[in-house]
Every structure is written in C-alpha cells, then in structure tokens.
Amino acid sequence: MEKTRKVTLGAVATAIVLALGGCSGMSTQGKNTAIGAGVGAVGGAVLTGGSVLGTVGGAAVGGVVGHEVSK
C-alpha cells in the first residue's frame, strides 16, 4: 500500500510539472481558466468525498470563474 502511494505521488508530481510547462504560451485568461478548473476539481472532489460528478462539476465551475476573473 505504501509503495502504491509513493508511485502515485510521483506520477501526479510529474503530471503537474509537464502541465505547467505546457502553459508557457497561453494567454493570461487561458492560464486563469486552467488554474480555476484545477482548483475547482480539487474542491469538488474534497466536498463530495471523491465523487466523479463532484470533481467534474467543480472543474467546470472553477474554469468559468477563472475565465471571468481575468476580464
């Protein structure tokens, strides 16, 4: 179980680094949308106990909020 956690943590960290590298050519509004979607997904997952619907819903709401903040 502990080894699985470490491997998962490493995979998530790698994915985050690669995703941030892909944001270099994005506009400020695009970056804010992506950040909002990520934060919303985490918040939705936490609030709903890891529900897929809560995660997707949180990402959608967070993306919209991030998009509108930069206007």
C-alpha atoms as a PDB file:
ATOM      1  CA  MET A   1       0.000   0.000   0.000  1.00  0.00           C
ATOM      2  CA  GLU A   2       2.784   2.431   0.885  1.00  0.00           C
ATOM      3  CA  LYS A   3       4.625   1.752  -2.373  1.00  0.00           C
ATOM      4  CA  THR A   4       1.445   2.459  -4.346  1.00  0.00           C
ATOM      5  CA  ARG A   5       1.100   5.827  -2.611  1.00  0.00           C
ATOM      6  CA  LYS A   6       4.669   6.790  -3.431  1.00  0.00           C
ATOM      7  CA  VAL A   7       4.301   5.796  -7.084  1.00  0.00           C
ATOM      8  CA  THR A   8       1.007   7.695  -7.337  1.00  0.00           C
ATOM      9  CA  LEU A   9       2.521  10.792  -5.742  1.00  0.00           C
ATOM     10  CA  GLY A  10       5.450  10.664  -8.163  1.00  0.00           C
ATOM     11  CA  ALA A  11       3.128  10.299 -11.139  1.00  0.00           C
ATOM     12  CA  VAL A  12       0.990  13.230 -10.006  1.00  0.00           C
ATOM     13  CA  ALA A  13       4.052  15.419  -9.446  1.00  0.00           C
ATOM     14  CA  THR A  14       5.354  14.553 -12.919  1.00  0.00           C
ATOM     15  CA  ALA A  15       1.988  15.341 -14.489  1.00  0.00           C
ATOM     16  CA  ILE A  16       1.870  18.720 -12.756  1.00  0.00           C
ATOM     17  CA  VAL A  17       5.359  19.656 -13.959  1.00  0.00           C
ATOM     18  CA  LEU A  18       4.519  18.673 -17.541  1.00  0.00           C
ATOM     19  CA  ALA A  19       1.195  20.534 -17.438  1.00  0.00           C
ATOM     20  CA  LEU A  20       2.825  23.719 -16.165  1.00  0.00           C
ATOM     21  CA  GLY A  21       5.404  23.533 -18.938  1.00  0.00           C
ATOM     22  CA  GLY A  22       2.577  23.442 -21.469  1.00  0.00           C
ATOM     23  CA  CYS A  23       1.126  26.704 -20.137  1.00  0.00           C
ATOM     24  CA  SER A  24       4.026  28.883 -21.254  1.00  0.00           C
ATOM     25  CA  GLY A  25       2.350  30.012 -24.492  1.00  0.00           C
ATOM     26  CA  MET A  26      -1.107  30.549 -23.027  1.00  0.00           C
ATOM     27  CA  SER A  27      -2.787  33.898 -22.544  1.00  0.00           C
ATOM     28  CA  THR A  28      -3.450  35.194 -19.032  1.00  0.00           C
ATOM     29  CA  GLN A  29      -7.129  34.381 -19.443  1.00  0.00           C
ATOM     30  CA  GLY A  30      -6.294  30.832 -20.537  1.00  0.00           C
ATOM     31  CA  LYS A  31      -3.982  30.340 -17.573  1.00  0.00           C
ATOM     32  CA  ASN A  32      -6.630  31.627 -15.174  1.00  0.00           C
ATOM     33  CA  THR A  33      -9.196  29.266 -16.705  1.00  0.00           C
ATOM     34  CA  ALA A  34      -6.864  26.288 -16.301  1.00  0.00           C
ATOM     35  CA  ILE A  35      -5.978  27.213 -12.728  1.00  0.00           C
ATOM     36  CA  GLY A  36      -9.639  27.720 -11.862  1.00  0.00           C
ATOM     37  CA  ALA A  37     -10.543  24.343 -13.332  1.00  0.00           C
ATOM     38  CA  GLY A  38      -7.800  22.625 -11.351  1.00  0.00           C
ATOM     39  CA  VAL A  39      -8.720  24.271  -8.078  1.00  0.00           C
ATOM     40  CA  GLY A  40     -12.408  23.618  -8.721  1.00  0.00           C
ATOM     41  CA  ALA A  41     -11.755  19.947  -9.429  1.00  0.00           C
ATOM     42  CA  VAL A  42      -9.850  19.517  -6.184  1.00  0.00           C
ATOM     43  CA  GLY A  43     -12.504  21.419  -4.240  1.00  0.00           C
ATOM     44  CA  GLY A  44     -15.315  19.425  -5.821  1.00  0.00           C
ATOM     45  CA  ALA A  45     -13.562  16.152  -5.045  1.00  0.00           C
ATOM     46  CA  VAL A  46     -12.977  17.137  -1.432  1.00  0.00           C
ATOM     47  CA  LEU A  47     -16.515  18.382  -0.866  1.00  0.00           C
ATOM     48  CA  THR A  48     -18.153  15.301  -2.388  1.00  0.00           C
ATOM     49  CA  GLY A  49     -15.809  12.679  -0.980  1.00  0.00           C
ATOM     50  CA  GLY A  50     -14.114  11.914  -4.292  1.00  0.00           C
ATOM     51  CA  SER A  51     -17.253  11.670  -6.410  1.00  0.00           C
ATOM     52  CA  VAL A  52     -16.567  11.854 -10.135  1.00  0.00           C
ATOM     53  CA  LEU A  53     -19.598  14.077 -10.670  1.00  0.00           C
ATOM     54  CA  GLY A  54     -18.438  16.442  -7.910  1.00  0.00           C
ATOM     55  CA  THR A  55     -14.938  16.603  -9.379  1.00  0.00           C
ATOM     56  CA  VAL A  56     -16.159  17.329 -12.909  1.00  0.00           C
ATOM     57  CA  GLY A  57     -18.731  19.827 -11.658  1.00  0.00           C
ATOM     58  CA  GLY A  58     -16.122  21.604  -9.554  1.00  0.00           C
ATOM     59  CA  ALA A  59     -13.758  21.768 -12.529  1.00  0.00           C
ATOM     60  CA  ALA A  60     -16.479  23.247 -14.725  1.00  0.00           C
ATOM     61  CA  VAL A  61     -17.458  25.892 -12.177  1.00  0.00           C
ATOM     62  CA  GLY A  62     -13.825  26.700 -11.380  1.00  0.00           C
ATOM     63  CA  GLY A  63     -12.995  27.050 -15.076  1.00  0.00           C
ATOM     64  CA  VAL A  64     -15.836  29.512 -15.609  1.00  0.00           C
ATOM     65  CA  VAL A  65     -14.834  31.536 -12.557  1.00  0.00           C
ATOM     66  CA  GLY A  66     -11.176  31.593 -13.635  1.00  0.00           C
ATOM     67  CA  HIS A  67     -12.191  32.685 -17.133  1.00  0.00           C
ATOM     68  CA  GLU A  68     -14.337  35.536 -15.839  1.00  0.00           C
ATOM     69  CA  VAL A  69     -11.793  36.789 -13.287  1.00  0.00           C
ATOM     70  CA  SER A  70      -9.368  37.877 -15.971  1.00  0.00           C
ATOM     71  CA  LYS A  71     -11.877  40.008 -17.894  1.00  0.00           C
END
